[in-house]
Amino acid sequence: MSPLRPLLDPPYSHSPCLMQLGIPKCTFFHPMHDNGSYQMDIPELQDAFIRYSKYGWLLLSKMDGSAFFFHPFDRIKIELPSYPCKEQFISMSFSFPPTSTNCFVIAIISNGSKFGIIRRGEVAWTLCEFTERFQPLGNGNPLLYKDRCYWLGLREDGLPAEVGVFDPHEYLTHPYRYKCRWKYLPYFTPPEHLEKSCNSYLLESDGKLFAVFELNDIEPSIQIYSLNLSSIGTRMKWQKVTNIGNKMLYVSSYGSFSELAVAEGMSNKIYVPNVLDNNNIFYSLQTKKYHSCFSDYSSKSISLGRELTGCTWIKPNYIDLDKGFKW
């Protein structure tokens, strides 16, 4: 089976593309591709669900409890042990590329009552329970940064949205203390008219945590808050962000990250998981409007186009993996 080479060539190799699982073909939408998309049959992903994407890798799972990494550009698959939990792990994340000795995977069940963790070299998952439920807000995934797990969600007591954090390794070193307690970062005033159905994303960039909210029929449609994680232990305070400089944010349900702008006119924008006539849609923090690549589409609300399901942003790259590699 041939690797997915076309998107590895310039200029496509310089920025992420939006990948959507499909039957039988997967579709790739690239911001630098004029009025078109790239399709490829990837049978290895049959019946799988994307759970997370980062470093050019996909983390996927199936209904039978199996989970695996997949690198679509070089067609490399790394199997993980099946998880033993009766409930389905829906929200998953990983810390480093699976080729790293520091890689570990965390998975939280949908109602936020327990999590599983597995580190590279281990043959079985470790299951832990939470002392209280913490449900995700909308479509957000947990974020792993410097061994801590961050999640944007709602507490059992019904308080407004907060960012919960815990260190999963702490519970692996105390196997008899099997319950995990969420800690909460400083409270921030969420955008007005925030609803559970609104799209929300959490990502890290240069040591800062970014919470991105995409609101329905509200102006400005996208609102961003940041928190400097290096100031933990001092007075931490969320700041509203109106300009991200020469960066671009790529947000989706199964992985969000930032990149430096690689072409003129691409900075200070948020690329969302939407397309119009096969062109990516982005939100400009300068104009406070949505635009479509290679067209004159401009709107204060994302009224046109379609939001893709089962999709994620992924950055094309090469992987040179040893044949004897074992996760």
Protein backbone atom coordinates (compact mmCIF):
# COMPACT_ATOMS: atom_id res chain seq x y z
CA MET A 1 0.00 0.00 0.00
CA SER A 2 1.58 3.29 -1.08
CA PRO A 3 2.22 6.14 1.36
CA LEU A 4 0.23 9.36 1.10
CA ARG A 5 2.99 11.31 -0.66
CA PRO A 6 1.25 14.18 -2.52
CA LEU A 7 0.55 16.17 0.66
CA LEU A 8 4.16 15.81 1.74
CA ASP A 9 5.40 17.93 -1.16
CA PRO A 10 5.71 21.74 -1.02
CA PRO A 11 3.70 23.86 -0.52
CA TYR A 12 1.34 21.37 1.15
CA SER A 13 3.97 20.08 3.56
CA HIS A 14 4.24 23.46 5.25
CA SER A 15 0.87 23.57 6.98
CA PRO A 16 -1.77 21.21 8.42
CA CYS A 17 -4.70 19.82 6.46
CA LEU A 18 -8.18 18.79 7.54
CA MET A 19 -8.65 15.02 7.37
CA GLN A 20 -12.09 13.39 7.33
CA LEU A 21 -12.68 9.67 7.71
CA GLY A 22 -14.98 8.23 5.11
CA ILE A 23 -16.22 5.01 3.54
CA PRO A 24 -14.43 3.91 1.50
CA LYS A 25 -12.11 6.91 1.05
CA CYS A 26 -10.61 9.46 3.43
CA THR A 27 -10.65 13.08 2.30
CA PHE A 28 -7.96 15.71 2.90
CA PHE A 29 -8.76 19.43 2.61
CA HIS A 30 -5.71 21.67 2.49
CA PRO A 31 -5.75 25.46 3.06
CA MET A 32 -3.23 25.91 0.27
CA HIS A 33 -5.13 23.72 -2.20
CA ASP A 34 -7.28 25.78 -4.58
CA ASN A 35 -10.86 24.48 -4.89
CA GLY A 36 -10.25 20.84 -4.37
CA SER A 37 -9.51 18.00 -2.04
CA TYR A 38 -7.38 14.89 -2.05
CA GLN A 39 -8.96 11.46 -1.51
CA MET A 40 -7.38 8.13 -0.71
CA ASP A 41 -8.64 4.69 0.25
CA ILE A 42 -7.16 3.74 3.65
CA PRO A 43 -8.61 0.33 4.57
CA GLU A 44 -6.65 0.25 7.84
CA LEU A 45 -9.10 2.84 9.19
CA GLN A 46 -12.25 0.85 8.39
CA ASP A 47 -14.73 0.95 11.33
CA ALA A 48 -12.37 3.15 13.36
CA PHE A 49 -13.07 6.46 15.09
CA ILE A 50 -10.59 9.31 15.35
CA ARG A 51 -9.95 10.12 19.01
CA TYR A 52 -6.99 12.50 18.83
CA SER A 53 -4.43 13.92 16.41
CA LYS A 54 -1.03 15.48 17.01
CA TYR A 55 2.55 15.34 15.70
CA GLY A 56 1.25 13.97 12.38
CA TRP A 57 -0.22 10.89 14.10
CA LEU A 58 -3.81 9.76 14.59
CA LEU A 59 -5.02 7.95 17.69
CA LEU A 60 -8.04 5.80 16.85
CA SER A 61 -10.25 3.22 18.52
CA LYS A 62 -12.94 0.72 17.56
CA MET A 63 -16.10 -0.45 19.26
CA ASP A 64 -14.41 -3.73 20.24
CA GLY A 65 -12.06 -1.89 22.63
CA SER A 66 -9.03 -1.90 20.37
CA ALA A 67 -6.94 1.22 19.96
CA PHE A 68 -4.03 2.11 17.69
CA PHE A 69 -1.84 4.89 16.35
CA PHE A 70 -1.79 5.50 12.61
CA HIS A 71 0.45 7.72 10.51
CA PRO A 72 -1.56 8.30 7.31
CA PHE A 73 1.28 9.82 5.32
CA ASP A 74 3.59 6.79 5.66
CA ARG A 75 0.86 4.21 6.36
CA ILE A 76 2.38 3.11 9.68
CA LYS A 77 0.16 1.42 12.28
CA ILE A 78 1.06 0.88 15.95
CA GLU A 79 -1.32 -1.33 17.92
CA LEU A 80 -2.10 -0.65 21.58
CA PRO A 81 -3.43 -3.19 24.11
CA SER A 82 -7.23 -3.31 24.17
CA TYR A 83 -8.70 -1.40 27.09
CA PRO A 84 -10.62 -3.48 29.66
CA CYS A 85 -13.29 -0.93 30.52
CA LYS A 86 -16.92 -1.91 29.84
CA GLU A 87 -17.79 1.71 29.09
CA GLN A 88 -16.45 3.23 25.90
CA PHE A 89 -13.48 5.57 26.21
CA ILE A 90 -14.57 8.56 24.13
CA SER A 91 -12.14 11.35 25.03
CA MET A 92 -8.53 10.35 24.42
CA SER A 93 -5.18 12.08 24.13
CA PHE A 94 -1.46 11.31 24.00
CA SER A 95 1.53 13.20 25.33
CA PHE A 96 4.29 12.72 22.74
CA PRO A 97 4.63 10.95 19.39
CA PRO A 98 4.26 7.19 19.87
CA THR A 99 7.90 6.80 18.81
CA SER A 100 8.99 8.68 21.95
CA THR A 101 9.93 6.76 25.09
CA ASN A 102 7.94 9.35 27.07
CA CYS A 103 4.68 8.70 25.21
CA PHE A 104 1.62 7.81 27.24
CA VAL A 105 -2.06 7.67 26.34
CA ILE A 106 -4.96 8.75 28.52
CA ALA A 107 -8.61 7.96 27.92
CA ILE A 108 -11.63 9.30 29.83
CA ILE A 109 -15.09 7.78 29.59
CA SER A 110 -17.86 10.04 28.35
CA ASN A 111 -19.40 10.89 31.73
CA GLY A 112 -16.04 11.74 33.27
CA SER A 113 -16.21 9.22 36.14
CA LYS A 114 -12.99 7.28 35.42
CA PHE A 115 -9.93 7.26 33.19
CA GLY A 116 -7.43 4.78 31.82
CA ILE A 117 -3.74 5.34 31.17
CA ILE A 118 -1.06 3.33 29.42
CA ARG A 119 2.60 4.19 28.94
CA ARG A 120 4.93 3.02 26.21
CA GLY A 121 6.29 -0.40 27.10
CA GLU A 122 3.29 -1.40 29.22
CA VAL A 123 1.08 -4.32 28.19
CA ALA A 124 -2.12 -3.30 29.98
CA TRP A 125 -4.10 -0.20 30.86
CA THR A 126 -4.34 1.11 34.42
CA LEU A 127 -7.84 2.22 35.42
CA CYS A 128 -8.56 4.95 37.96
CA GLU A 129 -11.76 6.54 39.24
CA PHE A 130 -12.48 10.20 39.91
CA THR A 131 -13.91 11.42 43.20
CA GLU A 132 -16.36 13.56 41.22
CA ARG A 133 -17.56 13.69 37.66
CA PHE A 134 -16.26 16.36 35.33
CA GLN A 135 -17.99 16.32 31.99
CA PRO A 136 -16.49 17.86 28.86
CA LEU A 137 -17.94 21.10 27.57
CA GLY A 138 -19.27 20.43 24.09
CA ASN A 139 -16.81 18.56 21.91
CA GLY A 140 -13.53 19.15 23.72
CA ASN A 141 -10.74 16.62 24.24
CA PRO A 142 -8.32 16.39 27.17
CA LEU A 143 -4.99 18.12 26.64
CA LEU A 144 -1.71 16.67 27.92
CA TYR A 145 1.05 19.15 28.66
CA LYS A 146 4.13 18.44 30.79
CA ASP A 147 2.55 15.25 32.16
CA ARG A 148 -0.57 17.02 33.39
CA CYS A 149 -4.03 16.51 31.95
CA TYR A 150 -6.19 19.59 31.28
CA TRP A 151 -9.87 19.43 30.35
CA LEU A 152 -12.43 22.13 29.68
CA GLY A 153 -15.69 21.00 31.22
CA LEU A 154 -18.51 21.24 33.75
CA ARG A 155 -18.41 20.12 37.38
CA GLU A 156 -21.08 18.03 39.06
CA ASP A 157 -22.22 20.97 41.19
CA GLY A 158 -23.33 22.84 38.07
CA LEU A 159 -20.81 25.67 38.27
CA PRO A 160 -19.93 27.42 34.98
CA ALA A 161 -17.27 26.05 32.68
CA GLU A 162 -13.85 25.54 34.22
CA VAL A 163 -10.54 23.95 33.32
CA GLY A 164 -9.84 20.88 35.43
CA VAL A 165 -6.31 19.54 35.84
CA PHE A 166 -4.67 16.48 37.38
CA ASP A 167 -1.42 14.55 37.21
CA PRO A 168 -2.21 10.95 36.13
CA HIS A 169 1.27 9.72 37.09
CA GLU A 170 0.59 10.63 40.70
CA TYR A 171 -2.05 7.91 40.84
CA LEU A 172 0.15 5.34 39.13
CA THR A 173 2.71 5.69 41.94
CA HIS A 174 0.04 5.05 44.58
CA PRO A 175 -1.87 2.01 43.25
CA TYR A 176 -3.98 1.63 46.41
CA ARG A 177 -5.20 5.21 46.23
CA TYR A 178 -7.29 4.50 43.21
CA LYS A 179 -9.43 7.64 43.22
CA CYS A 180 -8.32 10.76 41.44
CA ARG A 181 -9.33 14.27 42.41
CA TRP A 182 -9.67 17.07 39.87
CA LYS A 183 -8.09 20.39 40.74
CA TYR A 184 -9.33 23.53 39.06
CA LEU A 185 -7.47 26.38 37.47
CA PRO A 186 -8.51 29.93 38.35
CA TYR A 187 -12.08 30.62 37.32
CA PHE A 188 -12.62 32.75 34.25
CA THR A 189 -15.78 34.49 33.17
CA PRO A 190 -16.95 32.57 30.10
CA PRO A 191 -18.42 34.36 27.10
CA GLU A 192 -22.04 35.44 27.36
CA HIS A 193 -24.62 33.04 25.94
CA LEU A 194 -22.20 30.12 26.32
CA GLU A 195 -24.12 26.89 25.79
CA LYS A 196 -23.12 23.26 26.13
CA SER A 197 -23.76 22.87 22.41
CA CYS A 198 -21.24 25.57 21.48
CA ASN A 199 -17.95 24.40 20.05
CA SER A 200 -15.08 24.75 22.50
CA TYR A 201 -11.42 23.84 22.15
CA LEU A 202 -8.39 23.72 24.43
CA LEU A 203 -4.79 23.94 23.24
CA GLU A 204 -1.31 24.90 24.42
CA SER A 205 1.07 27.32 22.75
CA ASP A 206 4.38 28.64 24.10
CA GLY A 207 3.53 27.65 27.65
CA LYS A 208 0.10 29.24 27.56
CA LEU A 209 -3.26 27.53 27.71
CA PHE A 210 -5.81 28.76 25.16
CA ALA A 211 -9.56 28.23 25.52
CA VAL A 212 -11.34 28.88 22.22
CA PHE A 213 -15.13 29.27 22.11
CA GLU A 214 -17.15 29.31 18.89
CA LEU A 215 -20.53 30.83 19.73
CA ASN A 216 -23.84 30.62 17.92
CA ASP A 217 -25.25 33.86 16.48
CA ILE A 218 -23.03 36.00 18.73
CA GLU A 219 -20.53 38.66 17.67
CA PRO A 220 -17.65 38.22 17.68
CA SER A 221 -18.32 34.58 16.85
CA ILE A 222 -15.00 33.29 18.19
CA GLN A 223 -13.70 34.36 21.59
CA ILE A 224 -10.34 33.31 23.04
CA TYR A 225 -8.91 33.31 26.56
CA SER A 226 -5.34 32.48 27.59
CA LEU A 227 -3.63 31.50 30.83
CA ASN A 228 0.12 31.52 31.44
CA LEU A 229 0.87 28.05 32.84
CA SER A 230 4.34 29.06 34.01
CA SER A 231 2.75 31.27 36.66
CA ILE A 232 1.22 28.34 38.58
CA GLY A 233 1.62 29.00 42.28
CA THR A 234 1.37 32.74 41.80
CA ARG A 235 -1.60 34.86 40.84
CA MET A 236 -2.84 33.25 37.67
CA LYS A 237 -5.36 35.16 35.63
CA TRP A 238 -7.11 34.45 32.34
CA GLN A 239 -6.66 37.10 29.68
CA LYS A 240 -9.01 37.74 26.78
CA VAL A 241 -7.12 37.42 23.49
CA THR A 242 -7.93 39.58 20.46
CA ASN A 243 -4.71 39.08 18.48
CA ILE A 244 -2.47 36.01 18.12
CA GLY A 245 0.18 37.76 16.00
CA ASN A 246 1.97 35.60 13.44
CA LYS A 247 0.28 32.40 14.61
CA MET A 248 -2.57 30.32 13.26
CA LEU A 249 -4.81 28.16 15.42
CA TYR A 250 -6.18 24.93 13.99
CA VAL A 251 -9.16 23.71 16.00
CA SER A 252 -11.20 20.52 15.77
CA SER A 253 -12.96 18.10 18.09
CA TYR A 254 -10.09 15.62 18.07
CA GLY A 255 -7.07 17.84 18.41
CA SER A 256 -6.20 21.53 18.31
CA PHE A 257 -2.79 23.18 18.02
CA SER A 258 -1.02 26.34 16.90
CA GLU A 259 1.45 26.90 14.08
CA LEU A 260 3.50 29.82 12.86
CA ALA A 261 2.16 31.41 9.69
CA VAL A 262 4.03 30.05 6.67
CA ALA A 263 2.63 32.38 4.03
CA GLU A 264 1.69 36.03 3.81
CA GLY A 265 -1.87 36.74 4.92
CA MET A 266 -2.31 33.53 6.93
CA SER A 267 -1.44 34.88 10.39
CA ASN A 268 -3.87 35.87 13.15
CA LYS A 269 -6.47 33.35 11.98
CA ILE A 270 -8.34 30.36 13.39
CA TYR A 271 -8.95 27.49 10.99
CA VAL A 272 -12.17 25.66 11.87
CA PRO A 273 -13.38 22.19 10.76
CA ASN A 274 -15.64 23.64 8.06
CA VAL A 275 -15.39 23.77 4.27
CA LEU A 276 -17.18 25.66 1.52
CA ASP A 277 -16.96 24.24 -2.01
CA ASN A 278 -14.07 22.07 -0.85
CA ASN A 279 -12.17 25.10 0.45
CA ASN A 280 -11.26 25.51 4.11
CA ILE A 281 -13.04 28.17 6.17
CA PHE A 282 -11.15 30.31 8.66
CA TYR A 283 -11.99 33.05 11.14
CA SER A 284 -9.95 36.25 11.04
CA LEU A 285 -9.34 37.98 14.35
CA GLN A 286 -8.60 41.15 12.39
CA THR A 287 -11.89 41.36 10.45
CA LYS A 288 -13.92 39.39 13.05
CA LYS A 289 -15.45 37.47 10.16
CA TYR A 290 -15.33 34.04 8.57
CA HIS A 291 -13.69 33.72 5.18
CA SER A 292 -13.14 30.94 2.69
CA CYS A 293 -9.80 30.19 1.11
CA PHE A 294 -9.65 31.11 -2.60
CA SER A 295 -13.09 32.79 -2.63
CA ASP A 296 -14.68 36.10 -1.63
CA TYR A 297 -16.87 34.52 1.07
CA SER A 298 -17.10 36.77 4.13
CA SER A 299 -19.59 36.50 6.99
CA LYS A 300 -19.91 37.44 10.66
CA SER A 301 -21.48 34.04 11.32
CA ILE A 302 -20.60 30.67 9.89
CA SER A 303 -23.90 30.42 8.02
CA LEU A 304 -22.59 28.87 4.82
CA GLY A 305 -20.40 25.88 4.28
CA ARG A 306 -20.59 22.62 6.17
CA GLU A 307 -19.06 21.41 9.39
CA LEU A 308 -17.30 18.12 8.81
CA THR A 309 -17.88 15.20 11.15
CA GLY A 310 -15.26 12.62 12.03
CA CYS A 311 -12.48 15.01 11.08
CA THR A 312 -9.32 16.45 12.56
CA TRP A 313 -6.42 18.71 11.63
CA ILE A 314 -3.18 16.88 10.99
CA LYS A 315 0.22 18.12 9.86
CA PRO A 316 1.92 16.18 7.04
CA ASN A 317 5.38 14.86 7.91
CA TYR A 318 7.74 11.96 7.26
CA ILE A 319 8.33 9.11 9.69
CA ASP A 320 11.34 6.79 9.52
CA LEU A 321 10.40 3.92 11.84
CA ASP A 322 12.64 0.98 12.65
CA LYS A 323 11.18 -2.36 11.54
CA GLY A 324 11.79 -3.80 14.99
CA PHE A 325 9.98 -0.94 16.74
CA LYS A 326 7.83 -1.94 19.72
CA TRP A 327 5.56 0.44 21.53
